[in-house]
Each structure stands twice: as C-alpha cells, then as structure tokens.
C-alpha atoms as a PDB file:
ATOM      1  CA  MET A   1     -29.832  99.370 -10.933  1.00  0.00           C
ATOM      2  CA  GLN A   2     -31.176 102.005  -8.539  1.00  0.00           C
ATOM      3  CA  LYS A   3     -34.663 100.479  -8.705  1.00  0.00           C
ATOM      4  CA  PHE A   4     -33.181  97.078  -7.872  1.00  0.00           C
ATOM      5  CA  ILE A   5     -31.351  98.475  -4.814  1.00  0.00           C
ATOM      6  CA  VAL A   6     -34.435 100.370  -3.622  1.00  0.00           C
ATOM      7  CA  ARG A   7     -36.589  97.263  -4.035  1.00  0.00           C
ATOM      8  CA  ARG A   8     -34.178  95.089  -2.063  1.00  0.00           C
ATOM      9  CA  PHE A   9     -33.863  97.779   0.626  1.00  0.00           C
ATOM     10  CA  ILE A  10     -37.650  97.964   1.033  1.00  0.00           C
ATOM     11  CA  VAL A  11     -37.810  94.175   1.358  1.00  0.00           C
ATOM     12  CA  SER A  12     -35.124  94.314   4.080  1.00  0.00           C
ATOM     13  CA  ILE A  13     -37.039  96.990   6.014  1.00  0.00           C
ATOM     14  CA  ILE A  14     -40.274  94.980   5.803  1.00  0.00           C
ATOM     15  CA  SER A  15     -38.430  91.874   7.000  1.00  0.00           C
ATOM     16  CA  LEU A  16     -37.023  93.832   9.937  1.00  0.00           C
ATOM     17  CA  PHE A  17     -40.499  94.993  10.931  1.00  0.00           C
ATOM     18  CA  VAL A  18     -41.805  91.422  10.765  1.00  0.00           C
ATOM     19  CA  ILE A  19     -38.940  90.226  12.974  1.00  0.00           C
ATOM     20  CA  SER A  20     -39.548  93.044  15.439  1.00  0.00           C
ATOM     21  CA  PHE A  21     -43.229  92.103  15.693  1.00  0.00           C
ATOM     22  CA  ILE A  22     -42.363  88.439  16.316  1.00  0.00           C
ATOM     23  CA  VAL A  23     -39.821  89.399  18.983  1.00  0.00           C
ATOM     24  CA  PHE A  24     -42.317  91.731  20.647  1.00  0.00           C
ATOM     25  CA  ALA A  25     -45.122  89.141  20.563  1.00  0.00           C
ATOM     26  CA  LEU A  26     -42.968  86.291  21.925  1.00  0.00           C
ATOM     27  CA  ALA A  27     -41.759  88.483  24.780  1.00  0.00           C
ATOM     28  CA  ARG A  28     -45.359  89.270  25.740  1.00  0.00           C
ATOM     29  CA  LEU A  29     -46.438  85.626  25.480  1.00  0.00           C
ATOM     30  CA  THR A  30     -43.885  84.615  28.111  1.00  0.00           C
ATOM     31  CA  GLY A  31     -45.668  86.661  30.755  1.00  0.00           C
ATOM     32  CA  ASP A  32     -45.450  90.029  32.430  1.00  0.00           C
ATOM     33  CA  PRO A  33     -41.783  91.023  32.947  1.00  0.00           C
ATOM     34  CA  ARG A  34     -42.741  92.758  36.187  1.00  0.00           C
ATOM     35  CA  SER A  35     -42.997  89.349  37.833  1.00  0.00           C
ATOM     36  CA  LEU A  36     -39.257  88.930  37.248  1.00  0.00           C
ATOM     37  CA  MET A  37     -38.224  92.477  38.072  1.00  0.00           C
ATOM     38  CA  LEU A  38     -40.102  92.697  41.387  1.00  0.00           C
ATOM     39  CA  ASP A  39     -39.665  90.441  44.399  1.00  0.00           C
ATOM     40  CA  ASP A  40     -42.406  88.727  46.373  1.00  0.00           C
ATOM     41  CA  TYR A  41     -42.647  91.610  48.825  1.00  0.00           C
ATOM     42  CA  ALA A  42     -43.604  94.204  46.220  1.00  0.00           C
ATOM     43  CA  GLY A  43     -47.056  95.707  46.682  1.00  0.00           C
ATOM     44  CA  PRO A  44     -49.721  96.722  44.167  1.00  0.00           C
ATOM     45  CA  GLU A  45     -48.407 100.295  44.162  1.00  0.00           C
ATOM     46  CA  GLN A  46     -44.934  99.192  43.070  1.00  0.00           C
ATOM     47  CA  TRP A  47     -46.488  96.876  40.466  1.00  0.00           C
ATOM     48  CA  GLU A  48     -48.512  99.700  38.949  1.00  0.00           C
ATOM     49  CA  GLU A  49     -45.646 102.182  39.168  1.00  0.00           C
ATOM     50  CA  LEU A  50     -43.267  99.862  37.314  1.00  0.00           C
ATOM     51  CA  GLY A  51     -45.939  99.102  34.734  1.00  0.00           C
ATOM     52  CA  GLU A  52     -46.451 102.825  34.162  1.00  0.00           C
ATOM     53  CA  ARG A  53     -42.715 103.417  33.839  1.00  0.00           C
ATOM     54  CA  LEU A  54     -42.248 100.560  31.364  1.00  0.00           C
ATOM     55  CA  GLY A  55     -45.455 101.296  29.472  1.00  0.00           C
ATOM     56  CA  LEU A  56     -46.952  97.887  30.296  1.00  0.00           C
ATOM     57  CA  ASN A  57     -50.308  99.398  31.264  1.00  0.00           C
ATOM     58  CA  LYS A  58     -50.887 100.652  27.719  1.00  0.00           C
ATOM     59  CA  PRO A  59     -52.593  98.703  24.901  1.00  0.00           C
ATOM     60  CA  TYR A  60     -50.359  96.266  23.001  1.00  0.00           C
ATOM     61  CA  ILE A  61     -50.420  98.335  19.822  1.00  0.00           C
ATOM     62  CA  VAL A  62     -49.142 101.343  21.780  1.00  0.00           C
ATOM     63  CA  GLN A  63     -46.496  99.191  23.460  1.00  0.00           C
ATOM     64  CA  TYR A  64     -45.352  97.959  20.053  1.00  0.00           C
ATOM     65  CA  GLY A  65     -45.096 101.533  18.797  1.00  0.00           C
ATOM     66  CA  ILE A  66     -42.973 102.444  21.824  1.00  0.00           C
ATOM     67  CA  PHE A  67     -40.830  99.347  21.221  1.00  0.00           C
ATOM     68  CA  ILE A  68     -40.203 100.347  17.590  1.00  0.00           C
ATOM     69  CA  ARG A  69     -39.462 103.962  18.569  1.00  0.00           C
ATOM     70  CA  ASP A  70     -36.936 102.865  21.165  1.00  0.00           C
ATOM     71  CA  ALA A  71     -35.400 100.229  18.873  1.00  0.00           C
ATOM     72  CA  VAL A  72     -34.760 102.850  16.175  1.00  0.00           C
ATOM     73  CA  THR A  73     -32.734 104.830  18.733  1.00  0.00           C
ATOM     74  CA  LEU A  74     -31.023 101.593  19.920  1.00  0.00           C
ATOM     75  CA  ASN A  75     -32.769 101.818  23.262  1.00  0.00           C
ATOM     76  CA  PHE A  76     -33.747  98.282  24.308  1.00  0.00           C
ATOM     77  CA  GLY A  77     -34.377  99.083  27.927  1.00  0.00           C
ATOM     78  CA  GLU A  78     -32.581  97.898  31.037  1.00  0.00           C
ATOM     79  CA  ALA A  79     -31.313  94.370  31.657  1.00  0.00           C
ATOM     80  CA  ILE A  80     -33.282  92.691  34.434  1.00  0.00           C
ATOM     81  CA  ASN A  81     -30.290  91.023  36.073  1.00  0.00           C
ATOM     82  CA  ASP A  82     -27.476  93.515  35.498  1.00  0.00           C
ATOM     83  CA  HIS A  83     -29.620  96.649  35.890  1.00  0.00           C
ATOM     84  CA  ARG A  84     -27.709  98.261  33.038  1.00  0.00           C
ATOM     85  CA  PRO A  85     -28.812  99.465  29.605  1.00  0.00           C
ATOM     86  CA  VAL A  86     -29.048  96.511  27.237  1.00  0.00           C
ATOM     87  CA  MET A  87     -27.158  98.371  24.511  1.00  0.00           C
ATOM     88  CA  ASP A  88     -24.182  98.825  26.839  1.00  0.00           C
ATOM     89  CA  LEU A  89     -23.997  95.065  27.345  1.00  0.00           C
ATOM     90  CA  ILE A  90     -24.233  94.485  23.594  1.00  0.00           C
ATOM     91  CA  ARG A  91     -21.459  97.017  22.885  1.00  0.00           C
ATOM     92  CA  GLU A  92     -19.200  95.221  25.360  1.00  0.00           C
ATOM     93  CA  ARG A  93     -19.859  91.767  23.915  1.00  0.00           C
ATOM     94  CA  PHE A  94     -20.089  92.515  20.185  1.00  0.00           C
ATOM     95  CA  PRO A  95     -16.302  92.830  19.515  1.00  0.00           C
ATOM     96  CA  ALA A  96     -15.683  89.304  20.826  1.00  0.00           C
ATOM     97  CA  THR A  97     -18.471  87.871  18.660  1.00  0.00           C
ATOM     98  CA  PHE A  98     -17.333  89.781  15.576  1.00  0.00           C
ATOM     99  CA  GLN A  99     -13.720  88.648  15.999  1.00  0.00           C
ATOM    100  CA  LEU A 100     -14.752  85.018  16.418  1.00  0.00           C
ATOM    101  CA  GLY A 101     -17.126  85.181  13.451  1.00  0.00           C
ATOM    102  CA  LEU A 102     -14.449  86.793  11.278  1.00  0.00           C
ATOM    103  CA  ALA A 103     -11.872  84.149  12.279  1.00  0.00           C
ATOM    104  CA  ALA A 104     -14.341  81.353  11.456  1.00  0.00           C
ATOM    105  CA  PHE A 105     -15.204  83.086   8.164  1.00  0.00           C
ATOM    106  CA  ILE A 106     -11.557  83.308   7.102  1.00  0.00           C
ATOM    107  CA  PHE A 107     -10.997  79.677   8.117  1.00  0.00           C
ATOM    108  CA  SER A 108     -13.983  78.530   6.023  1.00  0.00           C
ATOM    109  CA  LEU A 109     -12.715  80.415   2.959  1.00  0.00           C
ATOM    110  CA  VAL A 110      -9.044  79.493   3.249  1.00  0.00           C
ATOM    111  CA  LEU A 111      -9.806  75.792   3.529  1.00  0.00           C
ATOM    112  CA  GLY A 112     -13.095  75.447   1.635  1.00  0.00           C
ATOM    113  CA  PHE A 113     -12.286  77.292  -1.606  1.00  0.00           C
ATOM    114  CA  PRO A 114      -8.956  75.576  -2.415  1.00  0.00           C
ATOM    115  CA  LEU A 115     -10.449  72.159  -1.629  1.00  0.00           C
ATOM    116  CA  GLY A 116     -13.391  72.857  -3.918  1.00  0.00           C
ATOM    117  CA  ILE A 117     -11.175  74.045  -6.762  1.00  0.00           C
ATOM    118  CA  MET A 118      -8.749  71.114  -6.451  1.00  0.00           C
ATOM    119  CA  SER A 119     -11.616  68.608  -6.245  1.00  0.00           C
ATOM    120  CA  SER A 120     -13.148  69.963  -9.443  1.00  0.00           C
ATOM    121  CA  ILE A 121     -10.020  70.125 -11.569  1.00  0.00           C
ATOM    122  CA  ARG A 122      -8.794  66.719 -10.344  1.00  0.00           C
ATOM    123  CA  ARG A 123     -11.988  64.744 -10.436  1.00  0.00           C
ATOM    124  CA  ASN A 124     -11.853  61.244  -8.869  1.00  0.00           C
ATOM    125  CA  SER A 125      -8.306  61.860  -7.663  1.00  0.00           C
ATOM    126  CA  LEU A 126      -6.983  61.788  -4.091  1.00  0.00           C
ATOM    127  CA  TRP A 127      -7.805  65.508  -3.738  1.00  0.00           C
ATOM    128  CA  ASP A 128     -11.385  64.850  -4.787  1.00  0.00           C
ATOM    129  CA  HIS A 129     -11.792  62.031  -2.270  1.00  0.00           C
ATOM    130  CA  VAL A 130     -10.281  64.154   0.520  1.00  0.00           C
ATOM    131  CA  GLY A 131     -12.675  66.965  -0.342  1.00  0.00           C
ATOM    132  CA  LYS A 132     -15.663  64.614  -0.250  1.00  0.00           C
ATOM    133  CA  ILE A 133     -14.601  63.306   3.167  1.00  0.00           C
ATOM    134  CA  VAL A 134     -14.218  66.864   4.484  1.00  0.00           C
ATOM    135  CA  ALA A 135     -17.671  67.742   3.143  1.00  0.00           C
ATOM    136  CA  LEU A 136     -19.232  64.638   4.693  1.00  0.00           C
ATOM    137  CA  LEU A 137     -17.650  65.190   8.100  1.00  0.00           C
ATOM    138  CA  GLY A 138     -18.269  68.915   8.103  1.00  0.00           C
ATOM    139  CA  GLN A 139     -21.981  68.619   7.414  1.00  0.00           C
ATOM    140  CA  SER A 140     -22.634  65.615   9.657  1.00  0.00           C
ATOM    141  CA  MET A 141     -20.854  66.533  12.911  1.00  0.00           C
ATOM    142  CA  PRO A 142     -22.921  68.675  15.326  1.00  0.00           C
ATOM    143  CA  PRO A 143     -20.987  71.815  16.336  1.00  0.00           C
ATOM    144  CA  PHE A 144     -21.428  71.261  20.078  1.00  0.00           C
ATOM    145  CA  TRP A 145     -20.044  67.695  19.786  1.00  0.00           C
ATOM    146  CA  LEU A 146     -17.151  68.844  17.610  1.00  0.00           C
ATOM    147  CA  GLY A 147     -16.289  71.571  20.115  1.00  0.00           C
ATOM    148  CA  ILE A 148     -16.314  69.169  23.063  1.00  0.00           C
ATOM    149  CA  MET A 149     -14.141  66.636  21.209  1.00  0.00           C
ATOM    150  CA  MET A 150     -11.639  69.317  20.206  1.00  0.00           C
ATOM    151  CA  ILE A 151     -11.426  70.563  23.795  1.00  0.00           C
ATOM    152  CA  PHE A 152     -10.837  66.993  24.989  1.00  0.00           C
ATOM    153  CA  PHE A 153      -8.070  66.162  22.505  1.00  0.00           C
ATOM    154  CA  PHE A 154      -6.279  69.445  21.782  1.00  0.00           C
ATOM    155  CA  ALA A 155      -6.751  71.283  25.093  1.00  0.00           C
ATOM    156  CA  VAL A 156      -6.982  68.552  27.739  1.00  0.00           C
ATOM    157  CA  LYS A 157      -4.925  65.680  26.306  1.00  0.00           C
ATOM    158  CA  LEU A 158      -2.340  67.542  24.215  1.00  0.00           C
ATOM    159  CA  ASP A 159      -2.442  70.902  26.050  1.00  0.00           C
ATOM    160  CA  TRP A 160      -1.792  72.813  22.818  1.00  0.00           C
ATOM    161  CA  VAL A 161      -4.442  75.497  23.190  1.00  0.00           C
ATOM    162  CA  PRO A 162      -6.615  76.941  25.988  1.00  0.00           C
ATOM    163  CA  PRO A 163      -9.854  75.005  26.560  1.00  0.00           C
ATOM    164  CA  SER A 164     -12.043  78.094  26.961  1.00  0.00           C
ATOM    165  CA  GLY A 165     -12.097  81.868  27.301  1.00  0.00           C
ATOM    166  CA  ARG A 166     -10.783  84.698  25.153  1.00  0.00           C
ATOM    167  CA  HIS A 167      -7.115  85.307  25.857  1.00  0.00           C
ATOM    168  CA  ASP A 168      -4.252  85.198  23.335  1.00  0.00           C
ATOM    169  CA  TRP A 169      -4.476  84.470  19.619  1.00  0.00           C
ATOM    170  CA  ASN A 170      -4.405  80.694  20.194  1.00  0.00           C
ATOM    171  CA  SER A 171      -7.681  80.876  22.116  1.00  0.00           C
ATOM    172  CA  PHE A 172      -9.390  81.638  18.769  1.00  0.00           C
ATOM    173  CA  ILE A 173      -8.329  78.360  17.150  1.00  0.00           C
ATOM    174  CA  LEU A 174     -10.777  75.847  18.623  1.00  0.00           C
ATOM    175  CA  PRO A 175     -13.936  78.008  18.641  1.00  0.00           C
ATOM    176  CA  ALA A 176     -13.208  79.334  15.132  1.00  0.00           C
ATOM    177  CA  ILE A 177     -12.797  75.809  13.754  1.00  0.00           C
ATOM    178  CA  THR A 178     -15.915  74.636  15.581  1.00  0.00           C
ATOM    179  CA  LEU A 179     -17.969  77.542  14.260  1.00  0.00           C
ATOM    180  CA  GLY A 180     -16.557  77.479  10.722  1.00  0.00           C
ATOM    181  CA  TRP A 181     -16.164  73.745  10.020  1.00  0.00           C
ATOM    182  CA  PHE A 182     -19.680  73.319   8.619  1.00  0.00           C
ATOM    183  CA  PHE A 183     -19.074  76.205   6.210  1.00  0.00           C
ATOM    184  CA  VAL A 184     -15.747  74.731   5.098  1.00  0.00           C
ATOM    185  CA  ALA A 185     -17.719  71.733   3.861  1.00  0.00           C
ATOM    186  CA  ALA A 186     -20.474  73.903   2.370  1.00  0.00           C
ATOM    187  CA  ASN A 187     -18.018  76.209   0.561  1.00  0.00           C
ATOM    188  CA  MET A 188     -16.101  73.216  -0.741  1.00  0.00           C
ATOM    189  CA  ARG A 189     -19.222  71.587  -2.189  1.00  0.00           C
ATOM    190  CA  ILE A 190     -20.594  74.783  -3.737  1.00  0.00           C
ATOM    191  CA  VAL A 191     -17.243  75.746  -5.324  1.00  0.00           C
ATOM    192  CA  ARG A 192     -16.733  72.215  -6.619  1.00  0.00           C
ATOM    193  CA  SER A 193     -20.223  72.054  -8.126  1.00  0.00           C
ATOM    194  CA  ALA A 194     -19.938  75.503  -9.712  1.00  0.00           C
ATOM    195  CA  MET A 195     -16.498  74.743 -11.137  1.00  0.00           C
ATOM    196  CA  LEU A 196     -17.649  71.416 -12.593  1.00  0.00           C
ATOM    197  CA  ASP A 197     -20.569  73.123 -14.338  1.00  0.00           C
ATOM    198  CA  VAL A 198     -18.261  75.745 -15.860  1.00  0.00           C
ATOM    199  CA  LEU A 199     -15.506  73.277 -16.793  1.00  0.00           C
ATOM    200  CA  ASP A 200     -18.033  71.215 -18.758  1.00  0.00           C
ATOM    201  CA  SER A 201     -19.325  74.235 -20.694  1.00  0.00           C
ATOM    202  CA  GLU A 202     -18.709  74.724 -24.401  1.00  0.00           C
ATOM    203  CA  TYR A 203     -16.577  77.874 -24.186  1.00  0.00           C
ATOM    204  CA  ILE A 204     -14.110  76.118 -21.845  1.00  0.00           C
ATOM    205  CA  LYS A 205     -13.840  73.245 -24.327  1.00  0.00           C
ATOM    206  CA  MET A 206     -13.282  75.813 -27.085  1.00  0.00           C
ATOM    207  CA  ALA A 207     -10.539  77.545 -25.069  1.00  0.00           C
ATOM    208  CA  ARG A 208      -8.770  74.234 -24.533  1.00  0.00           C
ATOM    209  CA  ALA A 209      -9.127  73.353 -28.209  1.00  0.00           C
ATOM    210  CA  LYS A 210      -7.471  76.676 -29.132  1.00  0.00           C
ATOM    211  CA  GLY A 211      -4.467  75.758 -27.008  1.00  0.00           C
ATOM    212  CA  VAL A 212      -5.027  78.127 -24.074  1.00  0.00           C
ATOM    213  CA  SER A 213      -2.840  77.068 -21.153  1.00  0.00           C
ATOM    214  CA  PRO A 214      -4.626  74.945 -18.487  1.00  0.00           C
ATOM    215  CA  SER A 215      -3.793  77.411 -15.707  1.00  0.00           C
ATOM    216  CA  LEU A 216      -5.307  80.301 -17.690  1.00  0.00           C
ATOM    217  CA  VAL A 217      -8.412  78.264 -18.456  1.00  0.00           C
ATOM    218  CA  ILE A 218      -8.937  77.386 -14.791  1.00  0.00           C
ATOM    219  CA  TRP A 219      -8.020  80.618 -13.014  1.00  0.00           C
ATOM    220  CA  LYS A 220      -9.250  83.201 -15.509  1.00  0.00           C
ATOM    221  CA  HIS A 221     -12.075  81.687 -17.499  1.00  0.00           C
ATOM    222  CA  ALA A 222     -13.510  78.957 -15.258  1.00  0.00           C
ATOM    223  CA  LEU A 223     -13.058  80.322 -11.738  1.00  0.00           C
ATOM    224  CA  ARG A 224     -14.241  83.822 -12.582  1.00  0.00           C
ATOM    225  CA  ASN A 225     -17.510  82.549 -14.020  1.00  0.00           C
ATOM    226  CA  ALA A 226     -17.972  80.016 -11.229  1.00  0.00           C
ATOM    227  CA  LEU A 227     -17.743  82.599  -8.443  1.00  0.00           C
ATOM    228  CA  ILE A 228     -21.370  83.792  -8.540  1.00  0.00           C
ATOM    229  CA  PRO A 229     -22.977  80.889  -6.592  1.00  0.00           C
ATOM    230  CA  PRO A 230     -20.179  80.737  -3.967  1.00  0.00           C
ATOM    231  CA  LEU A 231     -20.245  84.521  -3.583  1.00  0.00           C
ATOM    232  CA  THR A 232     -23.925  84.440  -2.635  1.00  0.00           C
ATOM    233  CA  PHE A 233     -23.297  81.788  -0.015  1.00  0.00           C
ATOM    234  CA  VAL A 234     -20.173  83.550   1.296  1.00  0.00           C
ATOM    235  CA  GLY A 235     -22.128  86.711   2.001  1.00  0.00           C
ATOM    236  CA  VAL A 236     -24.816  84.822   3.874  1.00  0.00           C
ATOM    237  CA  THR A 237     -22.102  82.866   5.707  1.00  0.00           C
ATOM    238  CA  LEU A 238     -20.537  85.989   7.191  1.00  0.00           C
ATOM    239  CA  GLY A 239     -23.839  87.111   8.637  1.00  0.00           C
ATOM    240  CA  PHE A 240     -24.645  83.655   9.970  1.00  0.00           C
ATOM    241  CA  LEU A 241     -21.227  83.176  11.587  1.00  0.00           C
ATOM    242  CA  ILE A 242     -21.732  86.388  13.555  1.00  0.00           C
ATOM    243  CA  THR A 243     -25.355  85.761  14.470  1.00  0.00           C
ATOM    244  CA  GLY A 244     -25.160  81.983  14.913  1.00  0.00           C
ATOM    245  CA  SER A 245     -22.333  81.848  17.429  1.00  0.00           C
ATOM    246  CA  VAL A 246     -24.448  80.805  20.428  1.00  0.00           C
ATOM    247  CA  VAL A 247     -23.354  77.149  20.439  1.00  0.00           C
ATOM    248  CA  ALA A 248     -19.621  77.810  19.956  1.00  0.00           C
ATOM    249  CA  GLU A 249     -19.561  80.618  22.501  1.00  0.00           C
ATOM    250  CA  THR A 250     -21.426  78.513  25.051  1.00  0.00           C
ATOM    251  CA  VAL A 251     -19.146  75.489  24.640  1.00  0.00           C
ATOM    252  CA  PHE A 252     -15.963  77.549  24.854  1.00  0.00           C
ATOM    253  CA  GLN A 253     -17.256  80.125  27.367  1.00  0.00           C
ATOM    254  CA  TRP A 254     -16.523  82.848  24.840  1.00  0.00           C
ATOM    255  CA  PRO A 255     -17.543  86.266  26.230  1.00  0.00           C
ATOM    256  CA  GLY A 256     -19.598  87.356  23.230  1.00  0.00           C
ATOM    257  CA  MET A 257     -23.198  88.073  22.343  1.00  0.00           C
ATOM    258  CA  GLY A 258     -24.009  84.401  21.878  1.00  0.00           C
ATOM    259  CA  MET A 259     -22.955  83.651  25.444  1.00  0.00           C
ATOM    260  CA  LEU A 260     -24.883  86.702  26.620  1.00  0.00           C
ATOM    261  CA  ALA A 261     -28.004  85.421  24.849  1.00  0.00           C
ATOM    262  CA  PHE A 262     -27.632  81.998  26.479  1.00  0.00           C
ATOM    263  CA  THR A 263     -27.231  83.393  29.998  1.00  0.00           C
ATOM    264  CA  SER A 264     -30.082  85.839  29.409  1.00  0.00           C
ATOM    265  CA  LEU A 265     -32.327  82.955  28.377  1.00  0.00           C
ATOM    266  CA  GLN A 266     -31.379  81.023  31.498  1.00  0.00           C
ATOM    267  CA  LYS A 267     -32.202  84.019  33.690  1.00  0.00           C
ATOM    268  CA  SER A 268     -35.324  85.015  31.730  1.00  0.00           C
ATOM    269  CA  ASP A 269     -33.774  88.411  30.934  1.00  0.00           C
ATOM    270  CA  TYR A 270     -36.160  89.221  28.095  1.00  0.00           C
ATOM    271  CA  PRO A 271     -35.104  92.838  27.441  1.00  0.00           C
ATOM    272  CA  THR A 272     -31.556  91.649  26.779  1.00  0.00           C
ATOM    273  CA  LEU A 273     -32.785  88.830  24.548  1.00  0.00           C
ATOM    274  CA  GLN A 274     -34.920  91.266  22.556  1.00  0.00           C
ATOM    275  CA  GLY A 275     -31.969  93.583  22.032  1.00  0.00           C
ATOM    276  CA  ILE A 276     -29.658  90.759  20.953  1.00  0.00           C
ATOM    277  CA  VAL A 277     -32.207  89.304  18.509  1.00  0.00           C
ATOM    278  CA  MET A 278     -32.846  92.714  16.936  1.00  0.00           C
ATOM    279  CA  VAL A 279     -29.113  93.450  16.560  1.00  0.00           C
ATOM    280  CA  PHE A 280     -28.541  89.995  15.061  1.00  0.00           C
ATOM    281  CA  ALA A 281     -31.454  90.553  12.663  1.00  0.00           C
ATOM    282  CA  VAL A 282     -30.027  93.876  11.470  1.00  0.00           C
ATOM    283  CA  ILE A 283     -26.595  92.294  10.881  1.00  0.00           C
ATOM    284  CA  TYR A 284     -28.052  89.367   8.971  1.00  0.00           C
ATOM    285  CA  LEU A 285     -30.363  91.499   6.827  1.00  0.00           C
ATOM    286  CA  PHE A 286     -27.566  93.975   6.071  1.00  0.00           C
ATOM    287  CA  THR A 287     -25.210  91.223   4.866  1.00  0.00           C
ATOM    288  CA  ASN A 288     -27.970  89.774   2.682  1.00  0.00           C
ATOM    289  CA  PHE A 289     -28.700  93.215   1.241  1.00  0.00           C
ATOM    290  CA  ALA A 290     -24.995  93.784   0.518  1.00  0.00           C
ATOM    291  CA  VAL A 291     -24.763  90.391  -1.206  1.00  0.00           C
ATOM    292  CA  ASP A 292     -27.811  91.172  -3.366  1.00  0.00           C
ATOM    293  CA  VAL A 293     -26.258  94.464  -4.497  1.00  0.00           C
ATOM    294  CA  LEU A 294     -22.856  92.876  -5.149  1.00  0.00           C
ATOM    295  CA  TYR A 295     -24.547  90.012  -6.977  1.00  0.00           C
ATOM    296  CA  ALA A 296     -26.275  92.491  -9.287  1.00  0.00           C
ATOM    297  CA  TYR A 297     -22.975  94.237 -10.068  1.00  0.00           C
ATOM    298  CA  ILE A 298     -21.311  90.937 -10.966  1.00  0.00           C
ATOM    299  CA  ASP A 299     -24.203  89.589 -13.041  1.00  0.00           C
ATOM    300  CA  PRO A 300     -26.110  92.411 -14.841  1.00  0.00           C
ATOM    301  CA  ARG A 301     -29.021  90.049 -15.547  1.00  0.00           C
ATOM    302  CA  ILE A 302     -29.933  90.041 -11.851  1.00  0.00           C
ATOM    303  CA  ARG A 303     -30.643  93.761 -11.569  1.00  0.00           C
ATOM    304  CA  TYR A 304     -33.451  93.498 -14.133  1.00  0.00           C
ATOM    305  CA  SER A 305     -35.128  90.487 -12.559  1.00  0.00           C
END
C-alpha cells in the first residue's frame, strides 16, 4: 500500500512540474510583461531596471528555476493592475470559490445519487424516464446558457433570488445549480449504470433466491459494491467544481477566483493568471491523489496494480 501511495504521489509531483512548465512557457510566449507594467514614457533605464528586478534579463532556464522557487513558497509576484501580491488576491477570493464549489458538489450528490439509484431499481418506470430526461438536459445545456436562463426566470421574472453577487444564502442557489447541474446528470448516469451491473450479478440473484429482503439487497449488497465507479468520479468532481468555476462566476458576478481569472485575462494580468492556474492545478491534483488512495482502500486489488 505504501508503494502505491508513493508511486501516485510521484506521478502527481511530475504532473505539477509539467503544468508549471506549460504555464511558464505560455506566459513568455505572450510577450514581455514589462510592456504592460511600464507606460509609453518609460525610458531604457526603467526598462532594464524592471527587467533586472523581475529577473527577465536572465536566461529562460534560470527564469524557470526562479519561478519554481517562488511558486514553492507561494510567491507568484505582484499583480500588474492591483499592484498587490498575487497570493493576497487569491486568499481573498478562494473562500468564495470554495463555498460555491462545495454547494454545487452537495447539490450534484443530493440530486444525482438518489435519481441514479431509483432509476436502476425501477427500470423503465416513471423514475427511470425522469432520470434519463435529467441526464439528457444536464449534459446538453451549456452552463453559461443555463445560468442566463435561470437569472431571467427566477431572478428577473419571479424575483425569488438575487440575480448576481454573493450576499445571503439564497445567492448561492442559482450559481450552485448552474455549476453543478452537469454533474447531477453525470452522477445519475454513473450510479445507474453501476447499480444495473451489480443488480444483474449472480450473487444478487442468489441473495434474492435465499429470501433476503429487497431493501437489504439494494442498500447493503448492491449499493455498497456499486460505489467504486461513482466514488472515483465524485472525487474528480469536487476538484473540478472548485477549479472550473470560471463560467458560473462570470455569469453571476461571483467574487471568486474564477471571476478573478476572467478579469485578469481581460487586463492581461499574467502574474495573477499564473498564480491562479498553479493553485487550481494543486487543488485538482490533490483531489485526484486523495481519490486514488481512497480507491485503493476500498478495493484492495487496486493497490497492487
């Protein structure tokens, strides 16, 4: 088991280095950041002085080493527009993104899992048809369109919830549904498929033949053994809901890291974008690593693969 954890940890570290190199290279391909940080009246002396201070006059391999050194200490430099440390901006915005991602995650589980279970145990019934419709709509509607439609109907027409911003608890409803609706459909389909595979297995048929109660067969024998595929997806979902919140936060003007990334892209604030991408990468890789470890504990066959 320890070898499995060490192997997965090494893979995560290598992946993080690859991401850091891509982020560093893309930032350099967009041009010299000094052209954005200095105005048109800056002279050659100021250009060279800023380049010396930021390390831009050094070879790229040295610059990458400095970037990695600073990233390890969570030092991503200073935001071009706000003239503040990038990590301070991320610390301010991360709680809003985490809360929204967690709300969307809970919504996707609370709705997706019961629909998947009911669709599997009542095949071709009304529940099954409702679940299929939810899955179809959830995986076919673009999040930005869904968010705009929900603002139009529930905020503008009905005036039930705020159309944007982060205020009271009801301001979480629309962005959480917009962000989590796709994963409601995905969870529903994965749970349904896993449950159907288990319910058609021989040991479930044997349990029913022995007279085991239907509720015990479903909730103890079937659901427990069907949880491995959904568990893998659930772990990845949590990381994605936190890191993939750019669209929902932009539509609803949610003051999180996704909105910060969008405004930074508009203003060509590359230090802030680099910091956000690296933080998102760490979150996503950590959740995947945690899922791999948990997966190995649930299914002992995995740890020896």
